[in-house]
Amino acid sequence: MSNVFIAFQTNEETRCIVDAILADNPTATVNRQPAMIKVDVPNQMVIRRASVEEQMGRAFDLQELHINLITLTGHIVETDDEFTLSWAH
């Protein structure tokens, strides 16, 4: 099993995104650095628009992830409601 990960610049907006990721991916682990937050998840990570909106208290377009994105790993599948990183087996 391999981890997928996503890393964001550290700021108030990305803290909400990371909280949403943690809520929806119980096996996620977080590595917080002064300027970066990296989230690792075994095999597959799902970022749900609704969960991010709940954390932020406002409407959220998943394309906004790219504003503070540093890097990621895994195969990407995007819809209007979910952003999924995974490793195909």
Protein backbone atom coordinates (compact mmCIF):
# COMPACT_ATOMS: atom_id res chain seq x y z
CA MET A 1 0.00 0.00 0.00
CA SER A 2 1.34 3.43 -0.96
CA ASN A 3 0.46 6.82 0.44
CA VAL A 4 -0.99 9.65 -1.57
CA PHE A 5 -0.36 13.15 -0.28
CA ILE A 6 -1.20 16.78 -0.81
CA ALA A 7 0.69 19.80 0.52
CA PHE A 8 -0.59 23.35 0.90
CA GLN A 9 0.84 26.69 1.97
CA THR A 10 -0.05 27.32 5.60
CA ASN A 11 -2.83 29.90 6.04
CA GLU A 12 -6.35 30.17 7.45
CA GLU A 13 -8.03 28.89 4.28
CA THR A 14 -5.87 25.78 4.03
CA ARG A 15 -6.40 24.99 7.71
CA CYS A 16 -10.10 24.60 6.88
CA ILE A 17 -9.30 22.41 3.87
CA VAL A 18 -7.04 20.19 5.99
CA ASP A 19 -9.71 19.92 8.70
CA ALA A 20 -12.19 18.77 6.03
CA ILE A 21 -9.68 16.22 4.70
CA LEU A 22 -9.13 14.86 8.22
CA ALA A 23 -12.88 14.58 8.82
CA ASP A 24 -13.41 12.57 5.61
CA ASN A 25 -10.21 10.49 5.70
CA PRO A 26 -9.80 8.95 9.17
CA THR A 27 -6.45 7.32 8.31
CA ALA A 28 -4.88 10.65 7.31
CA THR A 29 -1.77 11.95 9.02
CA VAL A 30 -0.67 15.59 9.05
CA ASN A 31 2.81 17.06 9.01
CA ARG A 32 2.68 20.77 9.92
CA GLN A 33 5.65 22.94 9.02
CA PRO A 34 5.97 26.71 9.45
CA ALA A 35 5.02 27.40 5.82
CA MET A 36 3.47 24.09 4.70
CA ILE A 37 0.85 21.55 5.72
CA LYS A 38 1.24 18.06 4.21
CA VAL A 39 -1.47 15.41 4.50
CA ASP A 40 -0.69 11.73 3.81
CA VAL A 41 -3.34 9.04 3.39
CA PRO A 42 -2.82 5.36 2.60
CA ASN A 43 -3.98 4.49 -0.91
CA GLN A 44 -6.74 7.10 -1.47
CA MET A 45 -7.69 10.59 -0.32
CA VAL A 46 -11.05 12.23 -1.00
CA ILE A 47 -11.58 15.97 -0.59
CA ARG A 48 -15.30 16.76 -0.56
CA ARG A 49 -16.59 20.19 -1.50
CA ALA A 50 -19.40 19.95 1.06
CA SER A 51 -16.95 19.17 3.87
CA VAL A 52 -14.71 22.11 2.95
CA GLU A 53 -17.76 24.40 2.78
CA GLU A 54 -18.82 23.25 6.24
CA GLN A 55 -15.37 24.07 7.66
CA MET A 56 -15.12 27.45 5.86
CA GLY A 57 -18.71 28.54 6.35
CA ARG A 58 -18.98 29.63 2.71
CA ALA A 59 -19.38 28.26 -0.81
CA PHE A 60 -16.20 26.62 -2.13
CA ASP A 61 -15.21 25.65 -5.67
CA LEU A 62 -12.77 22.72 -5.58
CA GLN A 63 -10.65 24.53 -8.18
CA GLU A 64 -9.72 26.90 -5.33
CA LEU A 65 -7.49 24.11 -3.98
CA HIS A 66 -4.93 25.07 -6.61
CA ILE A 67 -4.43 28.59 -5.21
CA ASN A 68 -2.47 27.35 -2.17
CA LEU A 69 -1.34 23.97 -3.53
CA ILE A 70 2.38 23.21 -3.31
CA THR A 71 2.48 19.61 -4.55
CA LEU A 72 0.59 16.33 -4.57
CA THR A 73 1.08 12.71 -5.53
CA GLY A 74 -1.33 10.16 -6.93
CA HIS A 75 -3.77 9.87 -9.79
CA ILE A 76 -6.28 12.72 -9.81
CA VAL A 77 -10.00 12.38 -10.44
CA GLU A 78 -11.96 15.63 -10.17
CA THR A 79 -15.67 16.35 -10.19
CA ASP A 80 -17.56 19.41 -9.02
CA ASP A 81 -18.11 17.68 -5.67
CA GLU A 82 -14.94 15.63 -5.03
CA PHE A 83 -11.20 15.77 -5.62
CA THR A 84 -9.71 12.27 -5.30
CA LEU A 85 -6.07 11.20 -5.18
CA SER A 86 -5.36 7.48 -5.44
CA TRP A 87 -2.99 4.83 -6.71
CA ALA A 88 -4.47 2.51 -9.32
CA HIS A 89 -3.73 -1.16 -8.68
